[in-house]
Amino acid sequence: MKLSKQFKGYESEITLFIKQLKQERPGLEESQRLGRALLWDKAPIGLDTQERANESSVQQQAYVYQNKL
């Protein structure tokens, strides 16, 4: 492959931007991990809590926008 040898040291503008950003802000990745943990990584829910939530939910009617008369 002639093309891969020719452009072996090529880095896109996006890659250079991300590398520069990481150099300017060394704590960036850690803050991203903390943000992810805050929003997505939740503690497991116990079976009792899950069963209680399922039992206390109100069933939605088939067509939400139709009023029952």
PDB file of N, CA and C in Angstrom:
ATOM      1  N   MET A   1       0.839  -1.180   0.000  1.00  0.00           N
ATOM      2  CA  MET A   1       0.000   0.000   0.000  1.00  0.00           C
ATOM      3  C   MET A   1       0.880   1.238   0.000  1.00  0.00           C
ATOM      4  N   LYS A   2       0.943   1.851  -1.107  1.00  0.00           N
ATOM      5  CA  LYS A   2       1.752   3.045  -1.268  1.00  0.00           C
ATOM      6  C   LYS A   2       1.167   4.228  -0.508  1.00  0.00           C
ATOM      7  N   LEU A   3      -0.148   4.318  -0.486  1.00  0.00           N
ATOM      8  CA  LEU A   3      -0.810   5.453   0.149  1.00  0.00           C
ATOM      9  C   LEU A   3      -0.574   5.475   1.657  1.00  0.00           C
ATOM     10  N   SER A   4      -0.630   4.314   2.304  1.00  0.00           N
ATOM     11  CA  SER A   4      -0.464   4.287   3.761  1.00  0.00           C
ATOM     12  C   SER A   4       0.953   4.647   4.173  1.00  0.00           C
ATOM     13  N   LYS A   5       1.937   4.280   3.372  1.00  0.00           N
ATOM     14  CA  LYS A   5       3.319   4.643   3.688  1.00  0.00           C
ATOM     15  C   LYS A   5       3.563   6.123   3.446  1.00  0.00           C
ATOM     16  N   GLN A   6       2.896   6.665   2.443  1.00  0.00           N
ATOM     17  CA  GLN A   6       3.092   8.058   2.088  1.00  0.00           C
ATOM     18  C   GLN A   6       2.537   8.993   3.166  1.00  0.00           C
ATOM     19  N   PHE A   7       1.389   8.657   3.729  1.00  0.00           N
ATOM     20  CA  PHE A   7       0.739   9.509   4.722  1.00  0.00           C
ATOM     21  C   PHE A   7       0.798   8.904   6.119  1.00  0.00           C
ATOM     22  N   LYS A   8       1.881   8.246   6.456  1.00  0.00           N
ATOM     23  CA  LYS A   8       1.976   7.556   7.740  1.00  0.00           C
ATOM     24  C   LYS A   8       1.942   8.529   8.925  1.00  0.00           C
ATOM     25  N   GLY A   9       2.544   9.704   8.787  1.00  0.00           N
ATOM     26  CA  GLY A   9       2.593  10.646   9.893  1.00  0.00           C
ATOM     27  C   GLY A   9       1.463  11.659   9.887  1.00  0.00           C
ATOM     28  N   TYR A  10       0.452  11.448   9.071  1.00  0.00           N
ATOM     29  CA  TYR A  10      -0.652  12.404   8.958  1.00  0.00           C
ATOM     30  C   TYR A  10      -1.570  12.340  10.166  1.00  0.00           C
ATOM     31  N   GLU A  11      -1.943  13.495  10.685  1.00  0.00           N
ATOM     32  CA  GLU A  11      -2.939  13.595  11.747  1.00  0.00           C
ATOM     33  C   GLU A  11      -3.955  14.649  11.325  1.00  0.00           C
ATOM     34  N   SER A  12      -5.203  14.332  11.470  1.00  0.00           N
ATOM     35  CA  SER A  12      -6.254  15.250  11.049  1.00  0.00           C
ATOM     36  C   SER A  12      -6.315  16.460  11.974  1.00  0.00           C
ATOM     37  N   GLU A  13      -7.044  17.472  11.543  1.00  0.00           N
ATOM     38  CA  GLU A  13      -7.192  18.677  12.347  1.00  0.00           C
ATOM     39  C   GLU A  13      -7.919  18.385  13.650  1.00  0.00           C
ATOM     40  N   ILE A  14      -8.866  17.466  13.581  1.00  0.00           N
ATOM     41  CA  ILE A  14      -9.623  17.101  14.786  1.00  0.00           C
ATOM     42  C   ILE A  14      -8.700  16.445  15.813  1.00  0.00           C
ATOM     43  N   THR A  15      -7.835  15.528  15.344  1.00  0.00           N
ATOM     44  CA  THR A  15      -6.903  14.857  16.254  1.00  0.00           C
ATOM     45  C   THR A  15      -5.950  15.856  16.883  1.00  0.00           C
ATOM     46  N   LEU A  16      -5.439  16.780  16.086  1.00  0.00           N
ATOM     47  CA  LEU A  16      -4.542  17.805  16.624  1.00  0.00           C
ATOM     48  C   LEU A  16      -5.261  18.696  17.629  1.00  0.00           C
ATOM     49  N   PHE A  17      -6.527  19.033  17.353  1.00  0.00           N
ATOM     50  CA  PHE A  17      -7.305  19.854  18.272  1.00  0.00           C
ATOM     51  C   PHE A  17      -7.507  19.138  19.604  1.00  0.00           C
ATOM     52  N   ILE A  18      -7.844  17.858  19.551  1.00  0.00           N
ATOM     53  CA  ILE A  18      -8.083  17.106  20.790  1.00  0.00           C
ATOM     54  C   ILE A  18      -6.793  16.968  21.589  1.00  0.00           C
ATOM     55  N   LYS A  19      -5.681  16.714  20.912  1.00  0.00           N
ATOM     56  CA  LYS A  19      -4.404  16.623  21.625  1.00  0.00           C
ATOM     57  C   LYS A  19      -4.050  17.948  22.293  1.00  0.00           C
ATOM     58  N   GLN A  20      -4.262  19.059  21.579  1.00  0.00           N
ATOM     59  CA  GLN A  20      -3.982  20.377  22.139  1.00  0.00           C
ATOM     60  C   GLN A  20      -4.893  20.669  23.324  1.00  0.00           C
ATOM     61  N   LEU A  21      -6.162  20.310  23.195  1.00  0.00           N
ATOM     62  CA  LEU A  21      -7.115  20.534  24.278  1.00  0.00           C
ATOM     63  C   LEU A  21      -6.731  19.745  25.525  1.00  0.00           C
ATOM     64  N   LYS A  22      -6.294  18.501  25.340  1.00  0.00           N
ATOM     65  CA  LYS A  22      -5.871  17.681  26.480  1.00  0.00           C
ATOM     66  C   LYS A  22      -4.609  18.235  27.137  1.00  0.00           C
ATOM     67  N   GLN A  23      -3.732  18.839  26.340  1.00  0.00           N
ATOM     68  CA  GLN A  23      -2.533  19.446  26.921  1.00  0.00           C
ATOM     69  C   GLN A  23      -2.874  20.703  27.710  1.00  0.00           C
ATOM     70  N   GLU A  24      -3.827  21.489  27.204  1.00  0.00           N
ATOM     71  CA  GLU A  24      -4.212  22.718  27.892  1.00  0.00           C
ATOM     72  C   GLU A  24      -5.008  22.448  29.154  1.00  0.00           C
ATOM     73  N   ARG A  25      -5.823  21.392  29.128  1.00  0.00           N
ATOM     74  CA  ARG A  25      -6.664  21.044  30.279  1.00  0.00           C
ATOM     75  C   ARG A  25      -6.384  19.606  30.706  1.00  0.00           C
ATOM     76  N   PRO A  26      -5.398  19.398  31.576  1.00  0.00           N
ATOM     77  CA  PRO A  26      -5.038  18.025  31.959  1.00  0.00           C
ATOM     78  C   PRO A  26      -6.140  17.278  32.716  1.00  0.00           C
ATOM     79  N   GLY A  27      -7.050  17.965  33.369  1.00  0.00           N
ATOM     80  CA  GLY A  27      -8.110  17.303  34.132  1.00  0.00           C
ATOM     81  C   GLY A  27      -9.380  17.079  33.340  1.00  0.00           C
ATOM     82  N   LEU A  28      -9.328  17.281  32.041  1.00  0.00           N
ATOM     83  CA  LEU A  28     -10.520  17.185  31.197  1.00  0.00           C
ATOM     84  C   LEU A  28     -11.117  15.779  31.191  1.00  0.00           C
ATOM     85  N   GLU A  29     -10.287  14.770  31.007  1.00  0.00           N
ATOM     86  CA  GLU A  29     -10.799  13.396  30.952  1.00  0.00           C
ATOM     87  C   GLU A  29     -11.414  12.972  32.285  1.00  0.00           C
ATOM     88  N   GLU A  30     -10.797  13.381  33.368  1.00  0.00           N
ATOM     89  CA  GLU A  30     -11.341  13.027  34.681  1.00  0.00           C
ATOM     90  C   GLU A  30     -12.693  13.693  34.909  1.00  0.00           C
ATOM     91  N   SER A  31     -12.828  14.944  34.494  1.00  0.00           N
ATOM     92  CA  SER A  31     -14.120  15.618  34.654  1.00  0.00           C
ATOM     93  C   SER A  31     -15.183  14.986  33.762  1.00  0.00           C
ATOM     94  N   GLN A  32     -14.785  14.490  32.596  1.00  0.00           N
ATOM     95  CA  GLN A  32     -15.732  13.776  31.735  1.00  0.00           C
ATOM     96  C   GLN A  32     -16.193  12.482  32.396  1.00  0.00           C
ATOM     97  N   ARG A  33     -15.263  11.785  33.027  1.00  0.00           N
ATOM     98  CA  ARG A  33     -15.638  10.544  33.727  1.00  0.00           C
ATOM     99  C   ARG A  33     -16.595  10.829  34.887  1.00  0.00           C
ATOM    100  N   LEU A  34     -16.329  11.907  35.621  1.00  0.00           N
ATOM    101  CA  LEU A  34     -17.211  12.269  36.735  1.00  0.00           C
ATOM    102  C   LEU A  34     -18.601  12.646  36.234  1.00  0.00           C
ATOM    103  N   GLY A  35     -18.666  13.371  35.121  1.00  0.00           N
ATOM    104  CA  GLY A  35     -19.953  13.730  34.542  1.00  0.00           C
ATOM    105  C   GLY A  35     -20.722  12.516  34.073  1.00  0.00           C
ATOM    106  N   ARG A  36     -20.022  11.565  33.474  1.00  0.00           N
ATOM    107  CA  ARG A  36     -20.681  10.337  33.040  1.00  0.00           C
ATOM    108  C   ARG A  36     -21.195   9.559  34.245  1.00  0.00           C
ATOM    109  N   ALA A  37     -20.391   9.473  35.282  1.00  0.00           N
ATOM    110  CA  ALA A  37     -20.813   8.752  36.475  1.00  0.00           C
ATOM    111  C   ALA A  37     -22.033   9.404  37.103  1.00  0.00           C
ATOM    112  N   LEU A  38     -22.091  10.723  37.046  1.00  0.00           N
ATOM    113  CA  LEU A  38     -23.216  11.448  37.621  1.00  0.00           C
ATOM    114  C   LEU A  38     -24.509  11.159  36.870  1.00  0.00           C
ATOM    115  N   LEU A  39     -24.433  11.098  35.541  1.00  0.00           N
ATOM    116  CA  LEU A  39     -25.641  10.961  34.739  1.00  0.00           C
ATOM    117  C   LEU A  39     -26.004   9.517  34.399  1.00  0.00           C
ATOM    118  N   TRP A  40     -25.038   8.662  34.187  1.00  0.00           N
ATOM    119  CA  TRP A  40     -25.338   7.343  33.623  1.00  0.00           C
ATOM    120  C   TRP A  40     -25.054   6.174  34.554  1.00  0.00           C
ATOM    121  N   ASP A  41     -24.002   6.215  35.314  1.00  0.00           N
ATOM    122  CA  ASP A  41     -23.631   5.079  36.153  1.00  0.00           C
ATOM    123  C   ASP A  41     -24.428   5.127  37.450  1.00  0.00           C
ATOM    124  N   LYS A  42     -25.484   4.380  37.510  1.00  0.00           N
ATOM    125  CA  LYS A  42     -26.363   4.378  38.677  1.00  0.00           C
ATOM    126  C   LYS A  42     -26.136   3.115  39.508  1.00  0.00           C
ATOM    127  N   ALA A  43     -26.424   3.225  40.773  1.00  0.00           N
ATOM    128  CA  ALA A  43     -26.325   2.064  41.655  1.00  0.00           C
ATOM    129  C   ALA A  43     -27.431   1.073  41.300  1.00  0.00           C
ATOM    130  N   PRO A  44     -27.167  -0.210  41.449  1.00  0.00           N
ATOM    131  CA  PRO A  44     -28.201  -1.196  41.129  1.00  0.00           C
ATOM    132  C   PRO A  44     -29.422  -1.044  42.043  1.00  0.00           C
ATOM    133  N   ILE A  45     -30.591  -1.306  41.495  1.00  0.00           N
ATOM    134  CA  ILE A  45     -31.847  -1.193  42.240  1.00  0.00           C
ATOM    135  C   ILE A  45     -32.180  -2.560  42.825  1.00  0.00           C
ATOM    136  N   GLY A  46     -32.581  -2.568  44.073  1.00  0.00           N
ATOM    137  CA  GLY A  46     -32.953  -3.808  44.725  1.00  0.00           C
ATOM    138  C   GLY A  46     -34.251  -4.368  44.155  1.00  0.00           C
ATOM    139  N   LEU A  47     -34.456  -5.655  44.304  1.00  0.00           N
ATOM    140  CA  LEU A  47     -35.652  -6.299  43.777  1.00  0.00           C
ATOM    141  C   LEU A  47     -36.921  -5.779  44.435  1.00  0.00           C
ATOM    142  N   ASP A  48     -36.856  -5.515  45.737  1.00  0.00           N
ATOM    143  CA  ASP A  48     -38.030  -4.987  46.439  1.00  0.00           C
ATOM    144  C   ASP A  48     -38.411  -3.605  45.922  1.00  0.00           C
ATOM    145  N   THR A  49     -37.415  -2.764  45.724  1.00  0.00           N
ATOM    146  CA  THR A  49     -37.675  -1.419  45.210  1.00  0.00           C
ATOM    147  C   THR A  49     -38.231  -1.471  43.800  1.00  0.00           C
ATOM    148  N   GLN A  50     -37.690  -2.345  42.980  1.00  0.00           N
ATOM    149  CA  GLN A  50     -38.160  -2.482  41.606  1.00  0.00           C
ATOM    150  C   GLN A  50     -39.598  -3.000  41.555  1.00  0.00           C
ATOM    151  N   GLU A  51     -39.915  -3.975  42.397  1.00  0.00           N
ATOM    152  CA  GLU A  51     -41.275  -4.520  42.442  1.00  0.00           C
ATOM    153  C   GLU A  51     -42.265  -3.466  42.923  1.00  0.00           C
ATOM    154  N   ARG A  52     -41.867  -2.687  43.927  1.00  0.00           N
ATOM    155  CA  ARG A  52     -42.736  -1.629  44.446  1.00  0.00           C
ATOM    156  C   ARG A  52     -43.000  -0.572  43.374  1.00  0.00           C
ATOM    157  N   ALA A  53     -41.980  -0.207  42.606  1.00  0.00           N
ATOM    158  CA  ALA A  53     -42.147   0.792  41.542  1.00  0.00           C
ATOM    159  C   ALA A  53     -43.068   0.264  40.449  1.00  0.00           C
ATOM    160  N   ASN A  54     -42.939  -1.000  40.105  1.00  0.00           N
ATOM    161  CA  ASN A  54     -43.805  -1.594  39.079  1.00  0.00           C
ATOM    162  C   ASN A  54     -45.262  -1.651  39.535  1.00  0.00           C
ATOM    163  N   GLU A  55     -45.481  -1.962  40.791  1.00  0.00           N
ATOM    164  CA  GLU A  55     -46.842  -2.060  41.310  1.00  0.00           C
ATOM    165  C   GLU A  55     -47.497  -0.687  41.464  1.00  0.00           C
ATOM    166  N   SER A  56     -46.713   0.341  41.726  1.00  0.00           N
ATOM    167  CA  SER A  56     -47.295   1.659  41.975  1.00  0.00           C
ATOM    168  C   SER A  56     -47.471   2.483  40.699  1.00  0.00           C
ATOM    169  N   SER A  57     -47.035   1.975  39.561  1.00  0.00           N
ATOM    170  CA  SER A  57     -47.184   2.744  38.325  1.00  0.00           C
ATOM    171  C   SER A  57     -48.623   2.660  37.825  1.00  0.00           C
ATOM    172  N   VAL A  58     -49.083   3.753  37.230  1.00  0.00           N
ATOM    173  CA  VAL A  58     -50.439   3.828  36.703  1.00  0.00           C
ATOM    174  C   VAL A  58     -50.393   3.478  35.221  1.00  0.00           C
ATOM    175  N   GLN A  59     -51.274   2.598  34.797  1.00  0.00           N
ATOM    176  CA  GLN A  59     -51.276   2.181  33.405  1.00  0.00           C
ATOM    177  C   GLN A  59     -51.842   3.294  32.528  1.00  0.00           C
ATOM    178  N   GLN A  60     -51.183   3.537  31.417  1.00  0.00           N
ATOM    179  CA  GLN A  60     -51.579   4.600  30.502  1.00  0.00           C
ATOM    180  C   GLN A  60     -52.600   4.047  29.505  1.00  0.00           C
ATOM    181  N   GLN A  61     -53.565   4.885  29.150  1.00  0.00           N
ATOM    182  CA  GLN A  61     -54.566   4.445  28.187  1.00  0.00           C
ATOM    183  C   GLN A  61     -53.936   4.291  26.808  1.00  0.00           C
ATOM    184  N   ALA A  62     -54.587   3.555  25.919  1.00  0.00           N
ATOM    185  CA  ALA A  62     -54.023   3.214  24.627  1.00  0.00           C
ATOM    186  C   ALA A  62     -53.734   4.449  23.782  1.00  0.00           C
ATOM    187  N   TYR A  63     -54.663   5.359  23.684  1.00  0.00           N
ATOM    188  CA  TYR A  63     -54.457   6.569  22.915  1.00  0.00           C
ATOM    189  C   TYR A  63     -54.513   7.738  23.875  1.00  0.00           C
ATOM    190  N   VAL A  64     -53.380   8.360  24.093  1.00  0.00           N
ATOM    191  CA  VAL A  64     -53.247   9.346  25.162  1.00  0.00           C
ATOM    192  C   VAL A  64     -54.099  10.578  24.934  1.00  0.00           C
ATOM    193  N   TYR A  65     -54.248  11.023  23.692  1.00  0.00           N
ATOM    194  CA  TYR A  65     -54.919  12.281  23.412  1.00  0.00           C
ATOM    195  C   TYR A  65     -56.431  12.164  23.325  1.00  0.00           C
ATOM    196  N   GLN A  66     -56.974  10.986  23.468  1.00  0.00           N
ATOM    197  CA  GLN A  66     -58.424  10.806  23.413  1.00  0.00           C
ATOM    198  C   GLN A  66     -58.984  10.881  24.827  1.00  0.00           C
ATOM    199  N   ASN A  67     -59.975  11.737  25.028  1.00  0.00           N
ATOM    200  CA  ASN A  67     -60.582  11.891  26.336  1.00  0.00           C
ATOM    201  C   ASN A  67     -61.635  10.822  26.538  1.00  0.00           C
ATOM    202  N   LYS A  68     -61.738  10.336  27.757  1.00  0.00           N
ATOM    203  CA  LYS A  68     -62.797   9.385  28.087  1.00  0.00           C
ATOM    204  C   LYS A  68     -64.031  10.177  28.482  1.00  0.00           C
ATOM    205  N   LEU A  69     -65.132   9.928  27.792  1.00  0.00           N
ATOM    206  CA  LEU A  69     -66.375  10.642  28.109  1.00  0.00           C
ATOM    207  C   LEU A  69     -67.379   9.723  28.726  1.00  0.00           C
TER     208      LEU A  69
END
